[in-house]
Amino acid sequence: MAHISVIIPCYNVAPYIDRCLTTITSQTIGVDALEIICVDDASTDETWEHLQVWEQRYPDNIMLIRCDENGRQGTARNIGLSYASADWIAFIDSDDWVELDYFEKLYSIAIQCQCDIVSCDHFRDSSLTLTYLSNRENGRNSGLVLIDTVLQRKKFIVSESIGLSAPGKLIRASLLIDHHLTFPENIAYEDILWGSLLYFYADSVYILEEYLYHYFLNPSSTVLTRNADYHIDILTISLMAWNEWQNRCLFHEYNNELEFLFLDSCYFIFMKMLSMRQDTPSFSLFQLSRKLVLEHIPDFRSNPYADKLTDFHKILLDLLWQPLNRSDFLKLTETAKEYWKYNR
C-alpha cells in the first residue's frame, strides 16, 4: 500500500503537467510509495490527453478523475481527498514541481518525529524547463514545533510559520478526516480558510527550512493573473473563514489571534493583491475591504498583536481610521508595491 496520496488538481496545464509528473514519478522514495491522484477540472486544452499517457506508463500508481464542470482547485482537491487511501496527504499544483527527494525527506521526518505536518520552503521559479536547485538552504534553522498548550497554539497561529497554502506540506490524513478539513469550492483563494484551520488542530509540526518545492511563476495562474474579477474572492473567503471559526467555537479561546488572521487576509493580503495584480488599483474595493474590517474588528489597535506588526503594516493599520482620497490611495499602492516586491 502506498504511503502517500499525492493530489494534483489539473486545469489547462498541458504545457506544464509533464514536468510536474516527471518529478513525482522519479522520486527517490520510489513511485510505489505514492498514490498519485490527478483530478482534471474540466480542462479545455490537451491536459487530459497528457494525463492519459502518464496513466498508461504507471497504471498501478496513477489514478485519473475527470470532472464534467470546472469547480476550481477547492473542488478538485476535495475530490482527490475522497479517493485518497494513504496515511499521508500531499497536494501539488500541476504547474509546479518538486526536488527529487521531496517525498523521501518529508516522509522520513514525519515518521521519525511522529508529527501531524511536515512543511518545507518553496522556491519561486520562473524556469520554463525542468531545473533543480544546487543550493536548497534558506538560511533558517529547521525544527519541530510542539503545540501542547493554549499559549503555544496562540504563538503558532500568529507566527503563520507554515503559511496558508496547501502545497509544500505532508499532512497526516487523519488530521484532515477527524477535523473535517476540506476546501471551499467554486471560489478562488480557498487556501486562506483551509490553511487557517491547520493551525488550530495540528499538535506537532516540523518546519524543514529547505527549498524543496518549486512554485512556478505562471503569469496565467490564479494568483498571478492580472485584473481578474475573482481576486475579490479574497474578501469573500475571509468572511467565510470568520463564519467557520464561529461555527467551530474558536473565538472563546483565540479571539485576538482570529482577529489577527482576519485582518491579515481581508486587509493586508487584499491590499497586496490590489497593489500587485491590478493595473489601476480599485479605490472602491479598498473602501469595501476597510468597511468589512471595521465591521468585524472595530479597533484592532487594542489587540495585543498590533504592536507586533511591521512598521509598514502599522501604517496600513492606521489608515483604517483616516480619511483617504483616491489620489492618496494610488500613491499608497505604489509604495505598497515596492514594499511587497522585496518582502514576499
Protein backbone atom coordinates (compact mmCIF):
# COMPACT_ATOMS: atom_id res chain seq x y z
CA MET A 1 0.00 0.00 0.00
CA ALA A 2 1.22 3.48 -0.83
CA HIS A 3 2.50 5.67 1.99
CA ILE A 4 1.42 8.99 0.48
CA SER A 5 -1.58 10.12 -1.55
CA VAL A 6 -0.46 12.88 -3.89
CA ILE A 7 -3.39 15.03 -5.02
CA ILE A 8 -2.88 17.12 -8.17
CA PRO A 9 -5.70 19.39 -9.41
CA CYS A 10 -5.26 19.99 -13.14
CA TYR A 11 -6.81 22.70 -15.27
CA ASN A 12 -5.44 23.71 -18.68
CA VAL A 13 -1.86 22.80 -17.82
CA ALA A 14 -0.86 20.89 -20.94
CA PRO A 15 2.47 22.80 -21.20
CA TYR A 16 3.41 22.02 -17.58
CA ILE A 17 1.88 18.74 -16.39
CA ASP A 18 4.62 16.54 -17.91
CA ARG A 19 7.27 18.41 -15.93
CA CYS A 20 5.25 18.06 -12.73
CA LEU A 21 4.66 14.32 -13.15
CA THR A 22 8.24 13.66 -14.21
CA THR A 23 9.49 14.88 -10.84
CA ILE A 24 6.82 12.96 -8.92
CA THR A 25 7.33 9.62 -10.67
CA SER A 26 11.13 9.99 -10.34
CA GLN A 27 11.12 10.45 -6.56
CA THR A 28 13.88 8.76 -4.56
CA ILE A 29 11.24 7.30 -2.24
CA GLY A 30 10.07 5.18 -5.20
CA VAL A 31 6.91 5.57 -7.21
CA ASP A 32 5.30 2.57 -5.49
CA ALA A 33 5.26 4.58 -2.26
CA LEU A 34 2.95 7.08 -3.93
CA GLU A 35 -0.73 7.06 -4.85
CA ILE A 36 -0.89 9.81 -7.49
CA ILE A 37 -4.40 11.21 -7.93
CA CYS A 38 -4.82 13.63 -10.82
CA VAL A 39 -8.14 15.47 -10.99
CA ASP A 40 -8.79 17.13 -14.36
CA ASP A 41 -11.08 20.04 -13.52
CA ALA A 42 -12.82 20.16 -16.92
CA SER A 43 -9.77 21.31 -18.88
CA THR A 44 -10.37 22.69 -22.37
CA ASP A 45 -6.85 22.06 -23.69
CA GLU A 46 -4.88 18.80 -24.08
CA THR A 47 -4.33 18.27 -20.34
CA TRP A 48 -6.46 15.12 -20.26
CA GLU A 49 -4.54 13.53 -23.16
CA HIS A 50 -1.26 14.20 -21.34
CA LEU A 51 -2.64 12.62 -18.19
CA GLN A 52 -3.78 9.51 -20.06
CA VAL A 53 -0.23 8.96 -21.34
CA TRP A 54 1.08 9.07 -17.77
CA GLU A 55 -1.63 6.69 -16.57
CA GLN A 56 -0.61 4.20 -19.25
CA ARG A 57 3.00 4.40 -18.07
CA TYR A 58 2.11 3.95 -14.40
CA PRO A 59 -1.28 2.18 -14.28
CA ASP A 60 -0.67 0.92 -10.74
CA ASN A 61 0.34 4.31 -9.36
CA ILE A 62 -1.67 6.98 -11.17
CA MET A 63 -5.41 7.45 -10.84
CA LEU A 64 -7.25 9.84 -13.17
CA ILE A 65 -10.53 11.59 -12.41
CA ARG A 66 -12.22 13.85 -14.95
CA CYS A 67 -14.77 16.49 -13.91
CA ASP A 68 -17.63 17.50 -16.20
CA GLU A 69 -17.72 21.04 -14.81
CA ASN A 70 -14.97 23.30 -13.53
CA GLY A 71 -15.17 23.70 -9.75
CA ARG A 72 -11.80 25.41 -9.18
CA GLN A 73 -8.98 23.98 -7.10
CA GLY A 74 -11.01 23.51 -3.92
CA THR A 75 -13.44 21.16 -5.63
CA ALA A 76 -10.66 19.21 -7.36
CA ARG A 77 -8.73 18.79 -4.11
CA ASN A 78 -11.83 17.62 -2.25
CA ILE A 79 -12.49 15.04 -4.97
CA GLY A 80 -8.90 13.88 -4.67
CA LEU A 81 -9.26 13.60 -0.90
CA SER A 82 -12.36 11.43 -1.31
CA TYR A 83 -10.28 8.89 -3.29
CA ALA A 84 -7.12 9.06 -1.14
CA SER A 85 -6.29 5.88 0.78
CA ALA A 86 -2.79 6.53 2.18
CA ASP A 87 -1.95 7.65 5.71
CA TRP A 88 -0.32 10.83 4.45
CA ILE A 89 -1.60 13.51 2.07
CA ALA A 90 0.36 15.86 -0.18
CA PHE A 91 -1.00 18.50 -2.54
CA ILE A 92 0.97 19.50 -5.62
CA ASP A 93 -0.15 22.17 -8.07
CA SER A 94 0.08 20.93 -11.64
CA ASP A 95 2.29 23.73 -12.97
CA ASP A 96 4.77 23.31 -10.09
CA TRP A 97 7.42 20.66 -9.47
CA VAL A 98 9.49 19.28 -6.61
CA GLU A 99 13.04 18.26 -5.83
CA LEU A 100 13.67 14.55 -6.42
CA ASP A 101 13.98 13.69 -2.72
CA TYR A 102 10.97 15.83 -1.73
CA PHE A 103 8.80 12.96 -0.51
CA GLU A 104 11.64 10.93 0.97
CA LYS A 105 12.73 13.88 3.10
CA LEU A 106 9.26 14.89 4.28
CA TYR A 107 8.10 11.32 4.91
CA SER A 108 11.20 10.26 6.87
CA ILE A 109 10.78 13.29 9.14
CA ALA A 110 7.06 12.60 9.57
CA ILE A 111 7.72 9.02 10.67
CA GLN A 112 10.73 9.83 12.83
CA CYS A 113 9.10 12.76 14.64
CA GLN A 114 5.55 11.37 14.60
CA CYS A 115 4.21 14.81 13.69
CA ASP A 116 0.98 15.91 12.05
CA ILE A 117 2.52 18.12 9.37
CA VAL A 118 5.93 18.47 7.75
CA SER A 119 6.35 21.73 5.89
CA CYS A 120 9.17 22.89 3.62
CA ASP A 121 10.03 26.16 1.92
CA HIS A 122 9.09 26.89 -1.68
CA PHE A 123 11.32 28.43 -4.32
CA ARG A 124 9.73 30.98 -6.66
CA ASP A 125 10.81 29.63 -10.03
CA SER A 126 10.23 31.18 -13.45
CA SER A 127 12.05 28.46 -15.41
CA LEU A 128 10.18 27.02 -18.38
CA THR A 129 12.31 23.87 -18.27
CA LEU A 130 12.83 21.27 -15.56
CA THR A 131 15.58 22.51 -13.26
CA TYR A 132 16.74 21.54 -9.80
CA LEU A 133 18.49 23.54 -7.11
CA SER A 134 22.19 23.19 -6.28
CA ASN A 135 21.72 25.09 -3.00
CA ARG A 136 18.47 24.46 -1.16
CA GLU A 137 19.25 26.17 2.16
CA ASN A 138 17.19 29.24 3.06
CA GLY A 139 19.37 30.38 5.95
CA ARG A 140 16.99 29.44 8.76
CA ASN A 141 17.11 26.53 11.21
CA SER A 142 14.73 23.58 10.81
CA GLY A 143 12.93 22.25 13.84
CA LEU A 144 9.97 20.56 15.47
CA VAL A 145 7.19 22.72 16.89
CA LEU A 146 5.10 21.10 19.63
CA ILE A 147 1.72 22.69 20.27
CA ASP A 148 0.56 21.23 23.59
CA THR A 149 -0.77 24.29 25.43
CA VAL A 150 -3.16 27.12 24.57
CA LEU A 151 -0.28 29.60 24.80
CA GLN A 152 1.82 27.55 22.39
CA ARG A 153 -1.07 27.39 19.95
CA LYS A 154 -1.60 31.15 20.12
CA LYS A 155 2.05 31.68 19.26
CA PHE A 156 1.80 29.14 16.44
CA ILE A 157 -1.29 30.79 14.95
CA VAL A 158 0.15 34.29 14.72
CA SER A 159 3.52 33.01 13.53
CA GLU A 160 1.86 31.75 10.32
CA SER A 161 5.06 29.70 10.09
CA ILE A 162 3.68 27.11 7.65
CA GLY A 163 1.76 29.61 5.54
CA LEU A 164 -1.78 29.02 4.33
CA SER A 165 -1.26 27.25 1.01
CA ALA A 166 -1.84 23.52 0.53
CA PRO A 167 1.34 22.64 -1.45
CA GLY A 168 4.70 22.27 0.25
CA LYS A 169 3.33 20.13 3.08
CA LEU A 170 2.97 16.49 4.05
CA ILE A 171 -0.12 16.09 6.22
CA ARG A 172 -1.36 13.20 8.31
CA ALA A 173 -4.60 12.08 6.65
CA SER A 174 -6.36 11.52 9.98
CA LEU A 175 -5.83 15.21 10.85
CA LEU A 176 -7.90 16.21 7.83
CA ILE A 177 -10.50 13.47 8.30
CA ASP A 178 -11.01 13.80 12.07
CA HIS A 179 -11.49 17.58 11.91
CA HIS A 180 -13.41 17.72 8.61
CA LEU A 181 -10.82 19.92 6.94
CA THR A 182 -12.00 20.24 3.36
CA PHE A 183 -11.70 23.13 0.91
CA PRO A 184 -14.30 25.74 -0.01
CA GLU A 185 -15.50 25.05 -3.56
CA ASN A 186 -16.16 27.18 -6.63
CA ILE A 187 -14.15 30.07 -5.27
CA ALA A 188 -10.57 31.32 -5.56
CA TYR A 189 -8.17 31.72 -2.59
CA GLU A 190 -9.70 28.69 -0.90
CA ASP A 191 -6.40 28.04 0.90
CA ILE A 192 -6.95 31.06 3.16
CA LEU A 193 -9.78 29.32 5.01
CA TRP A 194 -8.47 25.76 4.84
CA GLY A 195 -4.93 26.73 5.76
CA SER A 196 -6.03 28.76 8.76
CA LEU A 197 -7.70 25.71 10.31
CA LEU A 198 -4.49 23.67 10.28
CA TYR A 199 -3.15 25.99 12.98
CA PHE A 200 -5.96 25.03 15.36
CA TYR A 201 -5.75 21.25 15.05
CA ALA A 202 -2.13 20.26 14.40
CA ASP A 203 -0.34 19.29 17.61
CA SER A 204 3.15 18.85 16.20
CA VAL A 205 4.68 20.38 13.09
CA TYR A 206 8.16 20.02 11.66
CA ILE A 207 9.34 23.02 9.66
CA LEU A 208 12.02 21.97 7.20
CA GLU A 209 13.87 25.11 6.14
CA GLU A 210 14.87 23.93 2.69
CA TYR A 211 13.70 24.86 -0.79
CA LEU A 212 12.21 21.57 -1.95
CA TYR A 213 9.09 22.81 -3.73
CA HIS A 214 9.28 24.82 -6.97
CA TYR A 215 6.46 27.37 -7.12
CA PHE A 216 6.21 28.24 -10.80
CA LEU A 217 5.68 31.93 -11.52
CA ASN A 218 2.98 31.25 -14.07
CA PRO A 219 1.51 34.59 -15.27
CA SER A 220 -1.80 32.85 -16.04
CA SER A 221 -2.10 31.15 -12.64
CA THR A 222 -4.95 32.02 -10.28
CA VAL A 223 -2.83 34.23 -8.04
CA LEU A 224 -0.68 35.94 -10.69
CA THR A 225 -3.28 36.71 -13.36
CA ARG A 226 -3.69 40.46 -13.64
CA ASN A 227 -7.00 42.35 -13.36
CA ALA A 228 -9.09 39.21 -12.79
CA ASP A 229 -12.52 39.70 -11.23
CA TYR A 230 -12.10 36.69 -8.96
CA HIS A 231 -9.39 38.43 -6.90
CA ILE A 232 -12.23 39.89 -4.86
CA ASP A 233 -12.82 36.33 -3.63
CA ILE A 234 -10.18 37.14 -1.00
CA LEU A 235 -12.84 39.18 0.78
CA THR A 236 -15.49 36.50 0.36
CA ILE A 237 -13.22 33.75 1.65
CA SER A 238 -12.21 35.93 4.61
CA LEU A 239 -15.87 36.28 5.59
CA MET A 240 -16.38 32.53 5.10
CA ALA A 241 -13.39 31.91 7.37
CA TRP A 242 -14.83 34.19 10.07
CA ASN A 243 -18.12 32.26 9.96
CA GLU A 244 -16.30 28.91 10.05
CA TRP A 245 -14.27 29.98 13.07
CA GLN A 246 -17.52 30.94 14.79
CA ASN A 247 -19.16 27.62 13.88
CA ARG A 248 -16.16 25.78 15.34
CA CYS A 249 -16.39 27.86 18.57
CA LEU A 250 -12.81 29.09 18.27
CA PHE A 251 -13.35 32.70 19.31
CA HIS A 252 -13.72 31.98 23.04
CA GLU A 253 -10.10 30.87 23.35
CA TYR A 254 -8.47 32.59 20.38
CA ASN A 255 -10.30 35.88 19.78
CA ASN A 256 -7.16 38.03 19.47
CA GLU A 257 -5.48 35.53 17.17
CA LEU A 258 -8.53 35.22 14.92
CA GLU A 259 -8.77 38.99 14.64
CA PHE A 260 -5.14 38.95 13.54
CA LEU A 261 -5.83 36.30 10.86
CA PHE A 262 -8.89 38.18 9.60
CA LEU A 263 -7.02 41.47 9.39
CA ASP A 264 -4.22 39.74 7.50
CA SER A 265 -6.45 38.19 4.83
CA CYS A 266 -9.24 40.74 4.50
CA TYR A 267 -6.95 43.77 4.55
CA PHE A 268 -3.21 43.11 4.23
CA ILE A 269 -3.38 40.25 1.69
CA PHE A 270 -6.14 42.08 -0.18
CA MET A 271 -4.07 45.27 -0.28
CA LYS A 272 -1.18 43.25 -1.67
CA MET A 273 -3.46 41.95 -4.41
CA LEU A 274 -4.73 45.46 -5.24
CA SER A 275 -1.19 46.80 -5.43
CA MET A 276 0.44 43.91 -7.31
CA ARG A 277 -2.32 42.46 -9.51
CA GLN A 278 -4.31 45.44 -10.77
CA ASP A 279 -3.06 47.88 -13.38
CA THR A 280 -5.21 50.55 -11.75
CA PRO A 281 -5.89 49.52 -8.14
CA SER A 282 -9.56 49.86 -7.25
CA PHE A 283 -10.26 52.54 -4.65
CA SER A 284 -13.81 51.16 -4.28
CA LEU A 285 -12.53 47.70 -3.38
CA PHE A 286 -10.13 49.25 -0.87
CA GLN A 287 -13.10 51.01 0.73
CA LEU A 288 -15.02 47.74 0.83
CA SER A 289 -12.09 45.96 2.49
CA ARG A 290 -11.80 48.71 5.07
CA LYS A 291 -15.54 48.59 5.79
CA LEU A 292 -15.50 44.82 6.33
CA VAL A 293 -12.51 45.00 8.66
CA LEU A 294 -14.01 47.78 10.78
CA GLU A 295 -17.34 45.94 10.99
CA HIS A 296 -15.67 42.80 12.32
CA ILE A 297 -12.78 44.37 14.22
CA PRO A 298 -13.83 47.87 15.33
CA ASP A 299 -10.42 48.70 16.77
CA PHE A 300 -7.53 46.31 16.19
CA ARG A 301 -5.26 48.89 17.83
CA SER A 302 -6.33 47.47 21.20
CA ASN A 303 -5.36 43.94 20.12
CA PRO A 304 -2.05 42.86 21.69
CA TYR A 305 -0.74 41.79 18.29
CA ALA A 306 -0.99 45.32 16.88
CA ASP A 307 2.37 46.18 18.41
CA LYS A 308 3.98 43.19 16.69
CA LEU A 309 3.18 44.40 13.17
CA THR A 310 5.95 45.68 10.92
CA ASP A 311 6.25 49.44 10.56
CA PHE A 312 4.71 49.27 7.10
CA HIS A 313 1.75 47.22 8.31
CA LYS A 314 1.24 49.66 11.19
CA ILE A 315 0.92 52.43 8.61
CA LEU A 316 -1.70 50.41 6.74
CA LEU A 317 -3.49 49.73 10.02
CA ASP A 318 -3.66 53.43 10.91
CA LEU A 319 -5.19 54.20 7.51
CA LEU A 320 -8.28 52.23 8.50
CA TRP A 321 -9.33 55.19 10.65
CA GLN A 322 -8.07 58.04 8.47
CA PRO A 323 -9.75 59.75 5.52
CA LEU A 324 -8.07 58.74 2.28
CA ASN A 325 -8.95 60.06 -1.17
CA ARG A 326 -8.39 58.23 -4.45
CA SER A 327 -5.17 60.08 -5.23
CA ASP A 328 -3.66 59.28 -1.84
CA PHE A 329 -4.75 55.66 -2.22
CA LEU A 330 -2.99 55.27 -5.56
CA LYS A 331 0.19 56.75 -4.09
CA LEU A 332 -0.12 54.28 -1.23
CA THR A 333 -0.41 51.33 -3.62
CA GLU A 334 2.79 52.41 -5.38
CA THR A 335 4.60 52.38 -2.04
CA ALA A 336 2.99 49.06 -1.17
CA LYS A 337 4.07 47.55 -4.49
CA GLU A 338 7.70 48.40 -3.74
CA TYR A 339 7.41 47.01 -0.22
CA TRP A 340 5.93 43.68 -1.28
CA LYS A 341 8.34 43.33 -4.15
CA TYR A 342 11.13 42.92 -1.60
CA ASN A 343 9.12 41.42 1.28
CA ARG A 344 7.31 38.42 -0.13
